[in-house]
Amino acid sequence: MQRIFSLFGIVLLTFASVAIAQDTRTVVEPAIPPACITLHAHLITNSGTIASADELKLDTDRIQQAIDHCGKGHAVTLRVDGTRNAFLSGPLQLRDGVTLLVDKGVTFFASRDPALYQTAPGSCGIVNQSGHGCKPLISVQNVSGAGIMGDGVIDGRGGAKLLNKDVTWWQLAEQARPNGRQQVPRILVADHADNFTLYRITLKNSPNFHVVYNNGNGFTVWGLKIDAPRRGARNTDGVDPGNGSKNITITHSFISTGDDDIAIKGGTGGVTNMTVSHNHFYAGHGMSIGSETNGGVNKIRVTDLSLDGPDNGIRIKSNASRGGLVHDVVYDDICIRNSPNPITFDTGYTAAGTLQGNSLPTYRDITLHNIRISGGGKISFNGYSQDHRVGATLDNVLLTDKANYTYSLRHADITIDPGPVNLNLTGGTDSTLSGIAAKGSPASCTDKFVPFPR
């Protein structure tokens, strides 16, 4: 009996060694810095927007001047003033060590004027074939220690018609199908922004990606809420860390959007040392890696996540035009319900354009531990070729109901060890299955699924 207990303890310790957080920093809940200046609202919200007569009453200059003159370690605070509770702005730039604090009750609206965002005359608010024709609403470039915090809302107004145009940002995205590119702004783009923090803020209705973080070391997202429609809000990713970034933590957050809830984009420079913990996802395309994996993605830990009704659940996607090595990835304590694709490992991702190229995708050393799935759907482990495969270990991965599940396996090596798995993973093309699938008693997901906090 003692021998059996010791072996069981070794198994637990072995899993603990791979499941620990991979952000190498010690991450604690952020603290709101003291204010260097407080700006009071001049505008009033009306049914979730501002009056048409106020659309040219921009706060851009006074907010930017406050940011420019604020000292490191301090915050520019946006605050209500009686019934006045709204700010309206075009593009802003955060400075070194400065936080933008959107206070409770404040809505910070993005201007609907594409001319304010254009990078060249006429470049924004159109559909063309290439380039980035629009500045983001908030840029964080080549600074350290900046942040966006507060219990207020930043609204990108993706579904509102542009000034002097009979089209919304999201309608431009639809017009760009299948081969065009919508020239629309993102809410936040951080580049070379070490130790950047998002804390408690709500971002909603971005015209494109809500948050992009590239080329940085140290990115903390804590208590973030992202809210955009499930349909009609194309390419409205939640949080996209990528391209040379490391030491990232996304935790205690709620994301519901029209595209990937999180997309780890391992383009040039790759992504490493990332922790995703204690989060809730709703509408969207799930917890994604890709489609860019050509720079490599590794040392990723996803734990304590609920995915309630997403188009995809756990997802790794790439193709031969942008593929690379994805490895050392652990998913632990995940509840997925009512997703058409609860697990999707895809090396032939078509939405990124051409499938042809010399950047071939390989996924290996992927661990799925304590995963509970309900509501049916398709489970896919599809490698690219005989030499570029999907390799995954399944440990306590269980379907919790008798809904309809289908499977796709191609160039896949699946290991079941040591816990029970009741997926029907027999057959497949050029695939192997090690271990014996068994029945088990899944832990309850009842407390995992909570309403989106609005």
Protein backbone atom coordinates (compact mmCIF):
# COMPACT_ATOMS: atom_id res chain seq x y z
CA MET A 1 0.00 0.00 0.00
CA GLN A 2 2.84 2.37 0.86
CA ARG A 3 4.44 1.64 -2.53
CA ILE A 4 1.22 2.53 -4.37
CA PHE A 5 0.87 5.79 -2.41
CA SER A 6 4.44 6.76 -3.22
CA LEU A 7 3.96 6.16 -6.91
CA PHE A 8 0.76 8.22 -6.86
CA GLY A 9 2.63 11.02 -5.13
CA ILE A 10 5.30 10.94 -7.82
CA VAL A 11 2.61 11.28 -10.52
CA LEU A 12 1.14 14.32 -8.75
CA LEU A 13 4.52 15.94 -8.33
CA THR A 14 5.38 15.28 -11.95
CA PHE A 15 2.21 16.98 -13.16
CA ALA A 16 2.68 19.86 -10.73
CA SER A 17 6.12 20.50 -12.20
CA VAL A 18 4.65 21.04 -15.66
CA ALA A 19 1.44 22.81 -14.59
CA ILE A 20 2.99 25.65 -12.62
CA ALA A 21 2.76 29.17 -14.01
CA GLN A 22 5.13 29.80 -16.87
CA ASP A 23 5.30 33.57 -16.57
CA THR A 24 8.66 33.80 -14.81
CA ARG A 25 7.61 36.90 -12.88
CA THR A 26 5.88 36.86 -9.51
CA VAL A 27 2.56 38.41 -10.50
CA VAL A 28 0.32 39.98 -7.86
CA GLU A 29 -2.84 42.04 -8.18
CA PRO A 30 -1.90 45.49 -9.54
CA ALA A 31 -2.29 48.64 -7.49
CA ILE A 32 -3.79 51.85 -8.88
CA PRO A 33 -1.15 54.60 -8.82
CA PRO A 34 -1.78 58.06 -7.38
CA ALA A 35 -3.22 60.67 -9.74
CA CYS A 36 -1.05 63.37 -11.23
CA ILE A 37 -4.12 65.13 -12.64
CA THR A 38 -7.87 64.55 -12.72
CA LEU A 39 -9.86 65.47 -15.83
CA HIS A 40 -13.63 65.81 -15.51
CA ALA A 41 -16.10 64.77 -18.16
CA HIS A 42 -17.73 67.39 -20.39
CA LEU A 43 -20.15 65.10 -22.26
CA ILE A 44 -23.18 63.02 -21.34
CA THR A 45 -24.01 59.49 -22.47
CA ASN A 46 -27.39 58.96 -24.08
CA SER A 47 -28.59 55.37 -24.55
CA GLY A 48 -25.03 54.14 -24.57
CA THR A 49 -23.61 56.79 -26.90
CA ILE A 50 -23.27 60.56 -27.13
CA ALA A 51 -25.42 63.11 -28.91
CA SER A 52 -24.65 63.78 -32.58
CA ALA A 53 -24.17 67.45 -31.75
CA ASP A 54 -21.25 66.48 -29.49
CA GLU A 55 -19.38 64.34 -32.04
CA LEU A 56 -16.80 67.07 -32.71
CA LYS A 57 -16.24 68.01 -29.07
CA LEU A 58 -13.03 66.06 -28.73
CA ASP A 59 -11.12 65.57 -25.50
CA THR A 60 -8.03 64.32 -27.34
CA ASP A 61 -5.79 67.31 -26.74
CA ARG A 62 -6.48 67.77 -23.05
CA ILE A 63 -6.03 64.05 -22.34
CA GLN A 64 -2.81 63.84 -24.36
CA GLN A 65 -1.38 66.96 -22.71
CA ALA A 66 -2.15 65.52 -19.28
CA ILE A 67 -0.43 62.25 -20.22
CA ASP A 68 2.59 64.11 -21.60
CA HIS A 69 3.04 66.09 -18.37
CA CYS A 70 2.34 63.30 -15.91
CA GLY A 71 5.29 61.87 -14.00
CA LYS A 72 6.26 58.23 -13.90
CA GLY A 73 4.34 56.13 -11.43
CA HIS A 74 1.25 58.32 -11.62
CA ALA A 75 -2.12 58.27 -13.38
CA VAL A 76 -4.20 60.62 -15.48
CA THR A 77 -7.69 60.11 -14.06
CA LEU A 78 -10.86 60.53 -16.14
CA ARG A 79 -13.78 61.21 -13.81
CA VAL A 80 -17.50 61.98 -13.93
CA ASP A 81 -18.71 65.50 -13.15
CA GLY A 82 -22.29 65.36 -11.97
CA THR A 83 -24.36 64.06 -14.89
CA ARG A 84 -21.46 64.51 -17.31
CA ASN A 85 -19.87 61.10 -17.65
CA ALA A 86 -18.35 60.74 -21.12
CA PHE A 87 -15.12 61.56 -22.94
CA LEU A 88 -14.60 61.54 -26.71
CA SER A 89 -11.18 61.10 -28.25
CA GLY A 90 -9.11 60.30 -31.28
CA PRO A 91 -5.73 58.53 -31.06
CA LEU A 92 -3.65 58.87 -27.89
CA GLN A 93 -0.15 57.77 -26.91
CA LEU A 94 0.77 56.61 -23.42
CA ARG A 95 4.12 57.69 -21.96
CA ASP A 96 6.77 55.99 -19.88
CA GLY A 97 5.42 54.91 -16.49
CA VAL A 98 2.06 56.69 -16.95
CA THR A 99 -1.34 55.08 -16.36
CA LEU A 100 -4.60 56.15 -17.94
CA LEU A 101 -7.27 55.64 -15.27
CA VAL A 102 -10.88 55.53 -16.50
CA ASP A 103 -12.88 55.95 -13.32
CA LYS A 104 -16.11 54.17 -12.42
CA GLY A 105 -19.12 55.57 -14.28
CA VAL A 106 -17.03 57.02 -17.12
CA THR A 107 -17.35 55.94 -20.75
CA PHE A 108 -14.39 56.85 -22.94
CA PHE A 109 -15.72 56.86 -26.53
CA ALA A 110 -13.58 56.51 -29.64
CA SER A 111 -14.29 59.11 -32.30
CA ARG A 112 -16.10 57.90 -35.42
CA ASP A 113 -14.04 60.18 -37.68
CA PRO A 114 -11.69 58.02 -39.80
CA ALA A 115 -9.58 61.05 -40.71
CA LEU A 116 -8.32 61.21 -37.13
CA TYR A 117 -6.83 57.72 -37.38
CA GLN A 118 -5.40 57.79 -40.90
CA THR A 119 -1.72 57.05 -41.37
CA ALA A 120 -1.82 58.68 -44.83
CA PRO A 121 -4.46 60.85 -46.50
CA GLY A 122 -7.60 58.77 -47.03
CA SER A 123 -6.03 55.57 -45.69
CA CYS A 124 -8.54 54.83 -42.90
CA GLY A 125 -12.20 53.86 -43.18
CA ILE A 126 -11.80 52.04 -46.51
CA VAL A 127 -11.25 48.54 -47.87
CA ASN A 128 -8.10 47.79 -49.84
CA GLN A 129 -5.58 45.01 -50.21
CA SER A 130 -2.73 45.72 -47.80
CA GLY A 131 -1.14 47.80 -45.06
CA HIS A 132 -2.32 49.31 -41.80
CA GLY A 133 -4.13 52.49 -42.72
CA CYS A 134 -5.39 53.39 -39.25
CA LYS A 135 -3.70 54.27 -36.00
CA PRO A 136 -5.09 52.57 -32.89
CA LEU A 137 -7.14 54.53 -30.40
CA ILE A 138 -4.39 54.06 -27.79
CA SER A 139 -0.75 53.41 -28.67
CA VAL A 140 1.86 52.25 -26.16
CA GLN A 141 5.24 52.24 -27.90
CA ASN A 142 8.80 52.03 -26.58
CA VAL A 143 7.83 52.72 -22.98
CA SER A 144 7.98 50.78 -19.72
CA GLY A 145 5.60 50.60 -16.78
CA ALA A 146 2.56 52.15 -18.46
CA GLY A 147 -0.99 50.97 -17.88
CA ILE A 148 -4.72 51.36 -18.42
CA MET A 149 -6.84 50.88 -15.31
CA GLY A 150 -10.14 51.69 -13.67
CA ASP A 151 -13.73 50.50 -13.48
CA GLY A 152 -14.90 52.58 -16.44
CA VAL A 153 -15.45 51.65 -20.08
CA ILE A 154 -13.53 52.27 -23.30
CA ASP A 155 -15.94 51.92 -26.23
CA GLY A 156 -14.48 51.55 -29.73
CA ARG A 157 -17.94 51.97 -31.33
CA GLY A 158 -17.38 49.37 -34.02
CA GLY A 159 -21.09 49.18 -34.79
CA ALA A 160 -21.65 52.94 -35.15
CA LYS A 161 -21.67 54.65 -38.55
CA LEU A 162 -18.58 56.67 -39.41
CA LEU A 163 -18.87 60.42 -39.68
CA ASN A 164 -20.01 61.42 -43.17
CA LYS A 165 -20.26 57.76 -44.26
CA ASP A 166 -23.16 55.35 -44.39
CA VAL A 167 -21.13 52.43 -43.10
CA THR A 168 -19.82 51.14 -39.75
CA TRP A 169 -16.35 49.84 -38.97
CA TRP A 170 -17.76 46.32 -38.72
CA GLN A 171 -19.55 46.65 -42.05
CA LEU A 172 -16.21 47.52 -43.65
CA ALA A 173 -14.86 44.27 -42.22
CA GLU A 174 -17.68 42.35 -43.89
CA GLN A 175 -17.08 44.17 -47.17
CA ALA A 176 -13.45 43.06 -47.02
CA ARG A 177 -14.42 39.40 -47.45
CA PRO A 178 -12.88 37.34 -48.95
CA ASN A 179 -9.61 38.90 -50.10
CA GLY A 180 -9.67 42.52 -49.00
CA ARG A 181 -8.45 44.22 -45.84
CA GLN A 182 -10.60 46.55 -43.79
CA GLN A 183 -8.72 49.67 -42.73
CA VAL A 184 -10.11 50.20 -39.24
CA PRO A 185 -8.54 51.05 -35.87
CA ARG A 186 -7.86 48.80 -32.90
CA ILE A 187 -8.52 49.98 -29.37
CA LEU A 188 -5.05 49.26 -27.98
CA VAL A 189 -1.70 48.38 -29.56
CA ALA A 190 1.36 48.00 -27.32
CA ASP A 191 4.76 47.49 -28.94
CA HIS A 192 8.06 47.31 -27.04
CA ALA A 193 6.09 48.14 -23.90
CA ASP A 194 7.69 46.22 -21.04
CA ASN A 195 5.78 45.77 -17.79
CA PHE A 196 2.50 46.98 -19.22
CA THR A 197 -0.70 46.52 -17.20
CA LEU A 198 -4.42 46.32 -17.91
CA TYR A 199 -6.41 46.30 -14.69
CA ARG A 200 -10.20 46.17 -14.14
CA ILE A 201 -10.96 48.13 -17.30
CA THR A 202 -13.82 47.24 -19.67
CA LEU A 203 -13.13 47.36 -23.40
CA LYS A 204 -16.01 46.97 -25.81
CA ASN A 205 -16.97 47.12 -29.47
CA SER A 206 -13.53 47.52 -30.96
CA PRO A 207 -13.57 48.02 -34.74
CA ASN A 208 -10.84 45.35 -34.93
CA PHE A 209 -8.66 43.58 -32.31
CA HIS A 210 -9.25 44.94 -28.82
CA VAL A 211 -5.70 44.42 -27.45
CA VAL A 212 -2.45 43.70 -29.28
CA TYR A 213 0.84 43.22 -27.40
CA ASN A 214 4.07 42.71 -29.36
CA ASN A 215 7.81 42.68 -28.61
CA GLY A 216 7.38 43.13 -24.88
CA ASN A 217 8.68 41.56 -21.68
CA GLY A 218 6.10 41.68 -18.90
CA PHE A 219 2.38 42.05 -19.65
CA THR A 220 -0.21 41.75 -16.87
CA VAL A 221 -3.95 41.57 -17.57
CA TRP A 222 -6.02 41.36 -14.38
CA GLY A 223 -9.78 41.79 -14.07
CA LEU A 224 -10.24 42.83 -17.71
CA LYS A 225 -13.68 42.68 -19.34
CA ILE A 226 -14.01 42.59 -23.13
CA ASP A 227 -17.45 42.73 -24.70
CA ALA A 228 -18.37 42.64 -28.39
CA PRO A 229 -21.18 40.90 -30.33
CA ARG A 230 -20.89 37.25 -31.29
CA ARG A 231 -21.93 37.96 -34.88
CA GLY A 232 -21.34 40.95 -37.14
CA ALA A 233 -18.16 42.00 -35.33
CA ARG A 234 -15.55 40.33 -37.51
CA ASN A 235 -11.90 40.21 -36.35
CA THR A 236 -12.67 41.64 -32.92
CA ASP A 237 -10.14 39.47 -31.05
CA GLY A 238 -9.95 39.96 -27.31
CA VAL A 239 -6.27 39.86 -26.29
CA ASP A 240 -3.53 38.98 -28.80
CA PRO A 241 -0.02 38.62 -27.37
CA GLY A 242 2.56 37.95 -30.07
CA ASN A 243 5.73 38.56 -32.03
CA GLY A 244 8.63 38.43 -29.61
CA SER A 245 6.70 38.71 -26.35
CA LYS A 246 7.34 36.88 -23.09
CA ASN A 247 6.33 36.83 -19.44
CA ILE A 248 2.61 37.36 -19.88
CA THR A 249 -0.20 36.75 -17.39
CA ILE A 250 -3.91 37.05 -18.21
CA THR A 251 -6.01 36.34 -15.14
CA HIS A 252 -9.40 36.88 -13.46
CA SER A 253 -10.86 38.24 -16.71
CA PHE A 254 -14.10 37.91 -18.71
CA ILE A 255 -14.04 37.89 -22.51
CA SER A 256 -16.95 37.72 -24.97
CA THR A 257 -16.28 38.75 -28.53
CA GLY A 258 -16.71 38.08 -32.24
CA ASP A 259 -13.38 36.34 -32.85
CA ASP A 260 -10.61 34.73 -30.77
CA ASP A 261 -11.05 35.42 -27.07
CA ILE A 262 -7.29 35.08 -26.72
CA ALA A 263 -5.02 34.45 -29.71
CA ILE A 264 -1.35 33.77 -29.02
CA LYS A 265 0.28 34.92 -32.24
CA GLY A 266 3.72 33.38 -32.54
CA GLY A 267 4.96 35.36 -35.51
CA THR A 268 8.47 36.82 -35.75
CA GLY A 269 10.16 36.29 -32.39
CA GLY A 270 7.52 33.88 -31.13
CA VAL A 271 5.80 33.85 -27.74
CA THR A 272 7.02 32.17 -24.56
CA ASN A 273 6.42 32.08 -20.80
CA MET A 274 2.71 32.82 -20.65
CA THR A 275 0.08 32.05 -18.01
CA VAL A 276 -3.69 32.19 -18.60
CA SER A 277 -5.49 31.54 -15.31
CA HIS A 278 -8.90 31.92 -13.62
CA ASN A 279 -10.75 33.31 -16.65
CA HIS A 280 -14.19 33.02 -18.22
CA PHE A 281 -14.84 33.10 -21.98
CA TYR A 282 -18.24 33.33 -23.65
CA ALA A 283 -18.90 34.12 -27.32
CA GLY A 284 -15.85 33.98 -29.54
CA HIS A 285 -13.40 31.60 -31.14
CA GLY A 286 -11.94 30.34 -27.91
CA MET A 287 -8.52 29.97 -26.32
CA SER A 288 -6.40 30.05 -29.46
CA ILE A 289 -2.79 29.71 -30.48
CA GLY A 290 -2.08 30.94 -34.01
CA SER A 291 -2.59 31.26 -36.80
CA GLU A 292 0.95 32.69 -36.84
CA THR A 293 3.25 30.09 -35.26
CA ASN A 294 6.32 30.56 -37.49
CA GLY A 295 8.31 32.17 -34.64
CA GLY A 296 7.44 29.37 -32.24
CA VAL A 297 5.12 29.15 -29.23
CA ASN A 298 6.18 27.41 -26.02
CA LYS A 299 5.98 27.38 -22.21
CA ILE A 300 2.26 28.17 -22.17
CA ARG A 301 0.04 27.27 -19.20
CA VAL A 302 -3.76 27.62 -19.33
CA THR A 303 -5.56 26.76 -16.10
CA ASP A 304 -9.00 27.22 -14.51
CA LEU A 305 -10.85 28.37 -17.62
CA SER A 306 -14.53 28.15 -18.53
CA LEU A 307 -15.66 28.43 -22.15
CA ASP A 308 -19.42 28.84 -22.36
CA GLY A 309 -20.87 28.56 -25.86
CA PRO A 310 -17.85 29.61 -27.96
CA ASP A 311 -17.47 28.69 -31.64
CA ASN A 312 -14.22 26.97 -30.63
CA GLY A 313 -12.88 25.90 -27.25
CA ILE A 314 -9.23 24.85 -27.01
CA ARG A 315 -7.74 25.72 -30.38
CA ILE A 316 -4.34 25.63 -32.08
CA LYS A 317 -4.45 26.79 -35.71
CA SER A 318 -1.88 27.38 -38.43
CA ASN A 319 -0.93 26.35 -41.96
CA ALA A 320 2.10 25.98 -44.23
CA SER A 321 2.28 29.69 -45.01
CA ARG A 322 2.86 30.66 -41.36
CA GLY A 323 3.48 27.46 -39.40
CA GLY A 324 6.19 26.55 -36.90
CA LEU A 325 6.75 24.60 -33.72
CA VAL A 326 4.20 24.77 -30.91
CA HIS A 327 5.32 22.77 -27.88
CA ASP A 328 5.37 22.63 -24.09
CA VAL A 329 1.74 23.72 -23.73
CA VAL A 330 -0.46 22.59 -20.83
CA TYR A 331 -4.23 23.01 -20.50
CA ASP A 332 -5.48 22.17 -17.00
CA ASP A 333 -8.89 22.38 -15.29
CA ILE A 334 -10.93 23.51 -18.31
CA CYS A 335 -14.73 23.37 -18.68
CA ILE A 336 -16.23 23.67 -22.18
CA ARG A 337 -19.92 23.53 -23.00
CA ASN A 338 -22.03 24.02 -26.12
CA SER A 339 -19.15 24.55 -28.54
CA PRO A 340 -19.30 23.18 -32.10
CA ASN A 341 -15.53 22.57 -31.82
CA PRO A 342 -14.52 21.99 -28.21
CA ILE A 343 -10.97 20.83 -29.12
CA THR A 344 -9.42 21.81 -32.45
CA PHE A 345 -5.77 21.24 -33.39
CA ASP A 346 -5.70 22.39 -37.01
CA THR A 347 -2.68 22.61 -39.34
CA GLY A 348 -4.77 23.49 -42.40
CA TYR A 349 -6.34 26.73 -41.19
CA THR A 350 -8.00 28.34 -44.21
CA ALA A 351 -9.11 31.77 -42.97
CA ALA A 352 -5.52 33.08 -43.08
CA GLY A 353 -5.42 32.87 -46.87
CA THR A 354 -3.10 30.58 -48.78
CA LEU A 355 -2.35 27.19 -47.28
CA GLN A 356 0.83 26.73 -49.29
CA GLY A 357 4.36 27.59 -48.13
CA ASN A 358 7.53 26.40 -46.50
CA SER A 359 6.65 27.21 -42.88
CA LEU A 360 5.25 23.84 -41.89
CA PRO A 361 3.36 23.55 -38.58
CA THR A 362 4.22 20.98 -35.90
CA TYR A 363 2.46 20.64 -32.54
CA ARG A 364 4.02 18.41 -29.87
CA ASP A 365 4.32 18.07 -26.10
CA ILE A 366 0.75 19.30 -25.67
CA THR A 367 -0.94 18.19 -22.44
CA LEU A 368 -4.68 18.27 -21.76
CA HIS A 369 -5.41 17.55 -18.09
CA ASN A 370 -8.75 17.59 -16.31
CA ILE A 371 -10.80 18.76 -19.29
CA ARG A 372 -14.62 18.46 -19.10
CA ILE A 373 -16.77 18.83 -22.22
CA SER A 374 -20.54 18.91 -22.66
CA GLY A 375 -22.97 19.79 -25.43
CA GLY A 376 -21.45 17.82 -28.30
CA GLY A 377 -19.23 18.99 -31.15
CA LYS A 378 -16.24 17.98 -33.24
CA ILE A 379 -12.90 17.06 -31.68
CA SER A 380 -9.94 17.35 -34.05
CA PHE A 381 -6.26 16.43 -33.87
CA ASN A 382 -5.08 17.06 -37.42
CA GLY A 383 -1.37 17.19 -38.19
CA TYR A 384 0.11 18.52 -41.42
CA SER A 385 2.03 15.52 -42.74
CA GLN A 386 3.84 12.35 -41.74
CA ASP A 387 6.82 14.41 -40.59
CA HIS A 388 4.90 17.37 -39.16
CA ARG A 389 2.50 15.92 -36.65
CA VAL A 390 0.27 16.63 -33.69
CA GLY A 391 1.46 15.04 -30.44
CA ALA A 392 -0.79 15.30 -27.38
CA THR A 393 -1.15 13.62 -23.98
CA LEU A 394 -4.67 13.33 -22.59
CA ASP A 395 -5.07 12.90 -18.86
CA ASN A 396 -8.57 12.91 -17.35
CA VAL A 397 -10.29 14.30 -20.46
CA LEU A 398 -13.97 13.48 -20.23
CA LEU A 399 -17.23 14.02 -22.07
CA THR A 400 -19.83 14.61 -19.38
CA ASP A 401 -22.99 13.88 -21.40
CA LYS A 402 -24.32 11.75 -24.23
CA ALA A 403 -24.54 14.52 -26.84
CA ASN A 404 -23.33 13.92 -30.40
CA TYR A 405 -19.53 14.07 -30.75
CA THR A 406 -17.53 13.54 -33.93
CA TYR A 407 -13.79 13.12 -34.38
CA SER A 408 -11.05 13.86 -36.87
CA LEU A 409 -7.52 12.45 -36.53
CA ARG A 410 -4.75 12.84 -39.07
CA HIS A 411 -0.97 12.55 -38.58
CA ALA A 412 -1.59 12.52 -34.83
CA ASP A 413 0.06 10.73 -31.92
CA ILE A 414 -2.24 10.61 -28.90
CA THR A 415 -1.16 9.27 -25.50
CA ILE A 416 -3.66 8.53 -22.75
CA ASP A 417 -1.88 8.72 -19.39
CA PRO A 418 -2.47 8.41 -16.49
CA GLY A 419 -6.11 9.46 -15.94
CA PRO A 420 -9.33 8.35 -17.65
CA VAL A 421 -10.34 9.48 -21.14
CA ASN A 422 -13.66 8.61 -22.78
CA LEU A 423 -13.14 10.19 -26.21
CA ASN A 424 -13.57 7.83 -29.16
CA LEU A 425 -10.14 8.30 -30.74
CA THR A 426 -9.86 5.06 -32.68
CA GLY A 427 -8.91 5.08 -36.35
CA GLY A 428 -7.75 8.19 -38.11
CA THR A 429 -5.20 8.67 -40.88
CA ASP A 430 -1.55 7.90 -40.07
CA SER A 431 -2.30 8.22 -36.36
CA THR A 432 -1.33 6.35 -33.21
CA LEU A 433 -3.09 5.88 -29.90
CA SER A 434 -1.21 4.77 -26.77
CA GLY A 435 -2.94 3.80 -23.57
CA ILE A 436 -6.46 2.62 -22.85
CA ALA A 437 -9.46 4.91 -22.78
CA ALA A 438 -11.48 4.43 -19.61
CA LYS A 439 -14.49 5.76 -17.81
CA GLY A 440 -14.11 8.27 -15.02
CA SER A 441 -15.98 10.68 -12.81
CA PRO A 442 -15.34 14.27 -13.92
CA ALA A 443 -15.16 17.10 -11.44
CA SER A 444 -18.20 19.37 -11.51
CA CYS A 445 -18.26 22.44 -13.75
CA THR A 446 -21.28 23.95 -12.00
CA ASP A 447 -19.33 26.73 -10.32
CA LYS A 448 -17.24 27.46 -13.39
CA PHE A 449 -20.00 28.87 -15.57
CA VAL A 450 -20.95 32.34 -14.37
CA PRO A 451 -22.84 35.13 -16.18
CA PHE A 452 -20.83 37.78 -17.98
CA PRO A 453 -20.59 40.73 -15.55
CA ARG A 454 -22.31 43.68 -17.25
